[in-house]
Amino acid sequence: MEMVGDTAVDFEDYFPSMVARLGAEGLIMELCNGFRLLMDGESGLITFESLKKNSVVLGLDDMRDDEIVCMLNEGDLDGDGALNQVEFCTLMFRLSPGLMDNNGLRLRVEQYGVI
């Protein structure tokens, strides 16, 4: 169970089952598709504005601005206030303990420059 604001939310890690179905390369392609869906078309980054605009796609249209900033800060490794594709994929893998425990997958993912 994870806390989002004052609400407890059950979090189910779907990535291991996606790897089983799609393979490592397929999962990475899906992550890249997700990144493109959320990114700002001009900057090629997931920005505050693009995440706020596209949060409806995620079913998160009632997200507060501070929650969006928190999401960006969690994955922003270079401190520019936005997520590039590597930061986004790295964040998704960090949020999936089932994938991080699988050394074989981690090696395959490193081949694609995600972590």
C-alpha atoms as a PDB file:
ATOM      1  CA  MET A   1       0.000   0.000   0.000  1.00  0.00           C
ATOM      2  CA  GLU A   2       1.304   3.459  -0.894  1.00  0.00           C
ATOM      3  CA  MET A   3       0.158   6.874   0.332  1.00  0.00           C
ATOM      4  CA  VAL A   4      -0.831   9.467  -2.256  1.00  0.00           C
ATOM      5  CA  GLY A   5      -1.617  12.625  -0.365  1.00  0.00           C
ATOM      6  CA  ASP A   6      -3.904  11.516   2.451  1.00  0.00           C
ATOM      7  CA  THR A   7      -5.196   8.490   0.540  1.00  0.00           C
ATOM      8  CA  ALA A   8      -3.875   4.932   0.735  1.00  0.00           C
ATOM      9  CA  VAL A   9      -3.560   3.429  -2.729  1.00  0.00           C
ATOM     10  CA  ASP A  10      -2.892  -0.216  -3.556  1.00  0.00           C
ATOM     11  CA  PHE A  11       0.003  -0.475  -5.992  1.00  0.00           C
ATOM     12  CA  GLU A  12       0.326  -3.559  -8.118  1.00  0.00           C
ATOM     13  CA  ASP A  13       3.550  -3.964 -10.044  1.00  0.00           C
ATOM     14  CA  TYR A  14       2.532  -5.024 -13.562  1.00  0.00           C
ATOM     15  CA  PHE A  15       6.011  -4.803 -15.100  1.00  0.00           C
ATOM     16  CA  PRO A  16       7.100  -8.389 -14.305  1.00  0.00           C
ATOM     17  CA  SER A  17       4.019  -9.770 -16.049  1.00  0.00           C
ATOM     18  CA  MET A  18       4.595  -7.395 -18.970  1.00  0.00           C
ATOM     19  CA  VAL A  19       8.165  -8.698 -19.303  1.00  0.00           C
ATOM     20  CA  ALA A  20       6.868 -12.256 -19.273  1.00  0.00           C
ATOM     21  CA  ARG A  21       4.424 -11.380 -22.066  1.00  0.00           C
ATOM     22  CA  LEU A  22       6.455  -8.894 -24.135  1.00  0.00           C
ATOM     23  CA  GLY A  23      10.065  -9.728 -23.287  1.00  0.00           C
ATOM     24  CA  ALA A  24      12.615  -7.138 -22.159  1.00  0.00           C
ATOM     25  CA  GLU A  25      12.805  -5.429 -25.543  1.00  0.00           C
ATOM     26  CA  GLY A  26       9.009  -5.231 -25.807  1.00  0.00           C
ATOM     27  CA  LEU A  27       8.740  -3.685 -22.354  1.00  0.00           C
ATOM     28  CA  ILE A  28      11.326  -1.054 -23.232  1.00  0.00           C
ATOM     29  CA  MET A  29       9.435  -0.239 -26.420  1.00  0.00           C
ATOM     30  CA  GLU A  30       6.231   0.176 -24.377  1.00  0.00           C
ATOM     31  CA  LEU A  31       8.028   2.493 -21.961  1.00  0.00           C
ATOM     32  CA  CYS A  32       9.301   4.543 -24.897  1.00  0.00           C
ATOM     33  CA  ASN A  33       5.740   4.750 -26.240  1.00  0.00           C
ATOM     34  CA  GLY A  34       4.546   5.899 -22.819  1.00  0.00           C
ATOM     35  CA  PHE A  35       7.241   8.542 -22.719  1.00  0.00           C
ATOM     36  CA  ARG A  36       6.242   9.872 -26.144  1.00  0.00           C
ATOM     37  CA  LEU A  37       2.613   9.985 -25.035  1.00  0.00           C
ATOM     38  CA  LEU A  38       3.472  12.200 -22.045  1.00  0.00           C
ATOM     39  CA  MET A  39       6.267  14.363 -23.452  1.00  0.00           C
ATOM     40  CA  ASP A  40       6.080  17.901 -24.744  1.00  0.00           C
ATOM     41  CA  GLY A  41       6.357  17.721 -28.528  1.00  0.00           C
ATOM     42  CA  GLU A  42       8.628  20.753 -28.790  1.00  0.00           C
ATOM     43  CA  SER A  43      11.139  20.033 -26.029  1.00  0.00           C
ATOM     44  CA  GLY A  44      11.067  16.221 -26.224  1.00  0.00           C
ATOM     45  CA  LEU A  45      10.800  16.123 -22.411  1.00  0.00           C
ATOM     46  CA  ILE A  46       8.072  15.380 -19.911  1.00  0.00           C
ATOM     47  CA  THR A  47       7.516  18.802 -18.393  1.00  0.00           C
ATOM     48  CA  PHE A  48       5.149  20.056 -15.721  1.00  0.00           C
ATOM     49  CA  GLU A  49       2.862  21.388 -18.423  1.00  0.00           C
ATOM     50  CA  SER A  50       2.888  18.243 -20.563  1.00  0.00           C
ATOM     51  CA  LEU A  51       2.290  15.981 -17.558  1.00  0.00           C
ATOM     52  CA  LYS A  52      -0.540  18.192 -16.334  1.00  0.00           C
ATOM     53  CA  LYS A  53      -2.117  18.259 -19.807  1.00  0.00           C
ATOM     54  CA  ASN A  54      -1.716  14.518 -20.353  1.00  0.00           C
ATOM     55  CA  SER A  55      -2.659  13.424 -16.834  1.00  0.00           C
ATOM     56  CA  VAL A  56      -6.178  12.854 -18.168  1.00  0.00           C
ATOM     57  CA  VAL A  57      -4.760  10.026 -20.321  1.00  0.00           C
ATOM     58  CA  LEU A  58      -3.460   8.433 -17.111  1.00  0.00           C
ATOM     59  CA  GLY A  59      -6.815   8.820 -15.380  1.00  0.00           C
ATOM     60  CA  LEU A  60      -5.234  11.366 -13.052  1.00  0.00           C
ATOM     61  CA  ASP A  61      -7.111  14.471 -14.146  1.00  0.00           C
ATOM     62  CA  ASP A  62      -7.689  15.476 -10.509  1.00  0.00           C
ATOM     63  CA  MET A  63      -3.969  15.607  -9.667  1.00  0.00           C
ATOM     64  CA  ARG A  64      -2.867  18.692  -7.802  1.00  0.00           C
ATOM     65  CA  ASP A  65       0.039  20.775  -9.075  1.00  0.00           C
ATOM     66  CA  ASP A  66       2.196  19.844  -6.069  1.00  0.00           C
ATOM     67  CA  GLU A  67       1.654  16.135  -6.825  1.00  0.00           C
ATOM     68  CA  ILE A  68       2.804  16.665 -10.429  1.00  0.00           C
ATOM     69  CA  VAL A  69       5.912  18.513  -9.210  1.00  0.00           C
ATOM     70  CA  CYS A  70       6.605  15.671  -6.776  1.00  0.00           C
ATOM     71  CA  MET A  71       6.353  13.098  -9.595  1.00  0.00           C
ATOM     72  CA  LEU A  72       8.790  15.079 -11.735  1.00  0.00           C
ATOM     73  CA  ASN A  73      11.223  15.599  -8.865  1.00  0.00           C
ATOM     74  CA  GLU A  74      11.244  11.866  -8.112  1.00  0.00           C
ATOM     75  CA  GLY A  75      12.692  11.061 -11.532  1.00  0.00           C
ATOM     76  CA  ASP A  76      14.620  14.237 -12.394  1.00  0.00           C
ATOM     77  CA  LEU A  77      18.238  13.108 -12.196  1.00  0.00           C
ATOM     78  CA  ASP A  78      19.872  16.087 -13.902  1.00  0.00           C
ATOM     79  CA  GLY A  79      17.934  18.799 -12.048  1.00  0.00           C
ATOM     80  CA  ASP A  80      16.397  20.482 -15.094  1.00  0.00           C
ATOM     81  CA  GLY A  81      12.830  20.158 -13.779  1.00  0.00           C
ATOM     82  CA  ALA A  82      11.758  17.762 -16.545  1.00  0.00           C
ATOM     83  CA  LEU A  83      12.194  14.099 -17.461  1.00  0.00           C
ATOM     84  CA  ASN A  84      14.073  12.924 -20.510  1.00  0.00           C
ATOM     85  CA  GLN A  85      13.489   9.433 -21.868  1.00  0.00           C
ATOM     86  CA  VAL A  86      16.296   7.820 -19.826  1.00  0.00           C
ATOM     87  CA  GLU A  87      15.078   9.471 -16.603  1.00  0.00           C
ATOM     88  CA  PHE A  88      11.510   8.341 -17.293  1.00  0.00           C
ATOM     89  CA  CYS A  89      12.506   4.733 -17.970  1.00  0.00           C
ATOM     90  CA  THR A  90      14.849   4.697 -14.981  1.00  0.00           C
ATOM     91  CA  LEU A  91      12.032   5.954 -12.764  1.00  0.00           C
ATOM     92  CA  MET A  92       9.655   3.303 -14.056  1.00  0.00           C
ATOM     93  CA  PHE A  93      12.207   0.586 -13.290  1.00  0.00           C
ATOM     94  CA  ARG A  94      12.958   2.014  -9.845  1.00  0.00           C
ATOM     95  CA  LEU A  95       9.244   1.876  -9.069  1.00  0.00           C
ATOM     96  CA  SER A  96       9.159  -1.810 -10.025  1.00  0.00           C
ATOM     97  CA  PRO A  97      10.954  -3.857  -7.377  1.00  0.00           C
ATOM     98  CA  GLY A  98      10.081  -7.052  -9.235  1.00  0.00           C
ATOM     99  CA  LEU A  99      12.171  -5.972 -12.203  1.00  0.00           C
ATOM    100  CA  MET A 100      15.080  -4.685 -10.201  1.00  0.00           C
ATOM    101  CA  ASP A 101      15.437  -8.119  -8.549  1.00  0.00           C
ATOM    102  CA  ASN A 102      15.767  -9.854 -11.892  1.00  0.00           C
ATOM    103  CA  ASN A 103      19.464  -9.573 -12.812  1.00  0.00           C
ATOM    104  CA  GLY A 104      18.968 -11.026 -16.275  1.00  0.00           C
ATOM    105  CA  LEU A 105      16.474  -8.346 -17.195  1.00  0.00           C
ATOM    106  CA  ARG A 106      18.637  -5.611 -15.726  1.00  0.00           C
ATOM    107  CA  LEU A 107      21.508  -6.661 -17.999  1.00  0.00           C
ATOM    108  CA  ARG A 108      19.225  -6.586 -21.043  1.00  0.00           C
ATOM    109  CA  VAL A 109      17.888  -3.176 -20.043  1.00  0.00           C
ATOM    110  CA  GLU A 110      21.422  -1.805 -19.645  1.00  0.00           C
ATOM    111  CA  GLN A 111      22.047  -2.764 -23.279  1.00  0.00           C
ATOM    112  CA  TYR A 112      19.341  -0.280 -24.273  1.00  0.00           C
ATOM    113  CA  GLY A 113      20.780   2.518 -22.122  1.00  0.00           C
ATOM    114  CA  VAL A 114      17.854   2.731 -19.717  1.00  0.00           C
ATOM    115  CA  ILE A 115      19.792   2.160 -16.446  1.00  0.00           C
END
